[in-house]
Protein backbone atom coordinates (compact mmCIF):
# COMPACT_ATOMS: atom_id res chain seq x y z
CA MET A 1 101.09 -99.10 -10.45
CA LEU A 2 103.35 -97.90 -13.27
CA GLU A 3 106.39 -99.92 -12.18
CA LYS A 4 104.28 -103.08 -12.06
CA GLN A 5 102.72 -102.17 -15.44
CA ALA A 6 99.31 -102.44 -13.77
CA CYS A 7 97.93 -99.52 -15.76
CA ALA A 8 98.32 -98.26 -19.30
CA ILE A 9 96.49 -94.95 -18.82
CA VAL A 10 96.72 -92.55 -15.87
CA GLN A 11 93.97 -90.03 -15.11
CA PRO A 12 95.26 -87.30 -12.80
CA ASP A 13 92.85 -84.51 -11.96
CA VAL A 14 94.64 -81.19 -12.50
CA SER A 15 92.50 -79.55 -9.81
CA HIS A 16 93.32 -82.15 -7.18
CA ALA A 17 96.80 -83.35 -8.20
CA GLY A 18 98.51 -80.06 -7.46
CA GLY A 19 97.98 -78.03 -10.61
CA ILE A 20 99.43 -77.89 -14.10
CA LEU A 21 103.08 -78.45 -13.17
CA GLU A 22 102.36 -81.42 -10.91
CA THR A 23 100.16 -82.98 -13.59
CA LYS A 24 102.98 -82.53 -16.12
CA LYS A 25 105.27 -84.37 -13.70
CA ILE A 26 102.75 -87.21 -13.42
CA ALA A 27 102.55 -87.33 -17.22
CA ALA A 28 106.35 -87.49 -17.46
CA MET A 29 106.45 -90.36 -14.98
CA ALA A 30 103.77 -92.17 -16.97
CA GLU A 31 105.67 -91.56 -20.20
CA THR A 32 108.73 -93.26 -18.70
CA TYR A 33 106.63 -96.43 -18.40
CA PHE A 34 105.01 -96.02 -21.83
CA ALA A 35 101.65 -95.13 -20.28
CA ALA A 36 99.25 -92.55 -21.70
CA ILE A 37 97.59 -89.68 -19.85
CA ALA A 38 93.86 -88.85 -19.99
CA PRO A 39 93.30 -86.00 -17.52
CA HIS A 40 90.23 -86.36 -15.30
CA CYS A 41 88.12 -83.17 -15.39
CA PRO A 42 84.79 -83.36 -13.55
CA LEU A 43 84.71 -79.79 -12.25
CA GLY A 44 83.96 -77.42 -15.12
CA PRO A 45 85.38 -75.05 -17.72
CA ILE A 46 88.15 -73.46 -15.63
CA ALA A 47 89.56 -76.87 -14.79
CA LEU A 48 89.13 -77.84 -18.46
CA ALA A 49 91.18 -74.80 -19.52
CA ALA A 50 94.00 -75.94 -17.20
CA CYS A 51 93.75 -79.49 -18.55
CA LEU A 52 94.01 -78.26 -22.13
CA GLN A 53 97.29 -76.53 -21.27
CA VAL A 54 98.65 -79.86 -20.00
CA ASP A 55 97.25 -81.75 -22.98
CA ALA A 56 99.08 -79.45 -25.37
CA CYS A 57 102.51 -80.02 -23.87
CA VAL A 58 102.74 -83.70 -22.96
CA PRO A 59 103.69 -86.22 -25.65
CA ASN A 60 101.71 -89.09 -24.12
CA PHE A 61 98.34 -87.28 -24.13
CA LEU A 62 95.51 -89.64 -25.12
CA CYS A 63 92.16 -87.90 -24.60
CA GLN A 64 90.45 -85.26 -22.45
CA GLU A 65 87.41 -85.84 -20.26
CA GLN A 66 85.04 -82.87 -19.81
CA VAL A 67 81.62 -82.20 -18.36
CA ASN A 68 81.06 -78.55 -19.33
CA LEU A 69 82.43 -76.55 -22.24
CA GLY A 70 81.72 -73.27 -20.46
CA ASP A 71 78.17 -72.39 -21.53
CA GLY A 72 76.87 -70.02 -18.87
CA TYR A 73 80.33 -69.57 -17.35
CA LEU A 74 82.71 -68.29 -20.04
CA LYS A 75 82.34 -65.32 -22.38
CA GLU A 76 83.53 -67.58 -25.20
CA PRO A 77 82.71 -71.21 -24.35
CA PHE A 78 84.89 -73.95 -25.80
CA LYS A 79 83.64 -75.50 -29.03
CA VAL A 80 84.20 -79.04 -30.26
CA VAL A 81 85.51 -78.92 -33.84
CA ASP A 82 85.91 -82.22 -35.71
CA GLY A 83 85.98 -84.12 -32.40
CA SER A 84 88.57 -81.86 -30.73
CA VAL A 85 88.58 -78.71 -28.65
CA PRO A 86 90.96 -76.14 -30.21
CA LEU A 87 93.58 -74.81 -27.81
CA PRO A 88 92.90 -71.37 -26.36
CA THR A 89 95.19 -68.67 -27.76
CA LYS A 90 94.54 -65.87 -25.27
CA PRO A 91 96.85 -65.12 -22.31
CA GLY A 92 96.83 -67.21 -19.15
CA LEU A 93 94.49 -70.16 -19.33
CA GLY A 94 92.98 -68.57 -22.45
CA ILE A 95 89.52 -68.01 -21.01
CA GLU A 96 87.48 -65.10 -19.66
CA LEU A 97 84.73 -65.63 -17.11
CA ASP A 98 81.28 -64.21 -17.77
CA ASP A 99 80.97 -62.45 -14.40
CA GLU A 100 77.25 -61.74 -14.74
CA ALA A 101 76.42 -65.35 -15.59
CA VAL A 102 78.62 -66.67 -12.79
CA ALA A 103 77.09 -64.24 -10.25
CA SER A 104 73.70 -65.83 -10.84
CA LYS A 105 75.12 -69.23 -9.87
CA VAL A 106 76.64 -68.23 -6.51
CA PHE A 107 75.85 -70.82 -3.83
CA ALA A 108 73.39 -69.44 -1.28
CA GLY A 109 74.63 -71.82 1.41
CA ASP A 110 71.18 -73.29 2.06
CA TRP A 111 71.88 -76.83 0.81
CA ASP A 112 73.95 -79.49 2.51
CA THR A 113 75.13 -82.87 1.30
CA PRO A 114 72.79 -85.51 2.72
CA ALA A 115 74.44 -87.51 5.51
CA LEU A 116 73.64 -91.20 5.20
CA ARG A 117 74.14 -93.06 8.45
CA HIS A 118 73.13 -96.50 9.72
């Protein structure tokens, strides 16, 4: 896709692409072809924290998708300030899980994805 200039923006998902390092490699490959990176992040605040680490260190970062800033999952949820999420400054991914809040969301195992068949 990049060699044929069929895309101008790549959207790797840090959680599915192989982690932070692999996503940085994808971003570097995209940069070689003058393409931007907009990490895909449909999973939640832990994945968002990993994405923010990538965003901070790749020169071709464009924008960050997110579905949850961490309310009900993190002790200090991310905040949007002037249209941006400030980078975490704490060790590791820069987040701390709210164990009590997360414990209340544990999957009981009683639901299954509906199987649609002809």
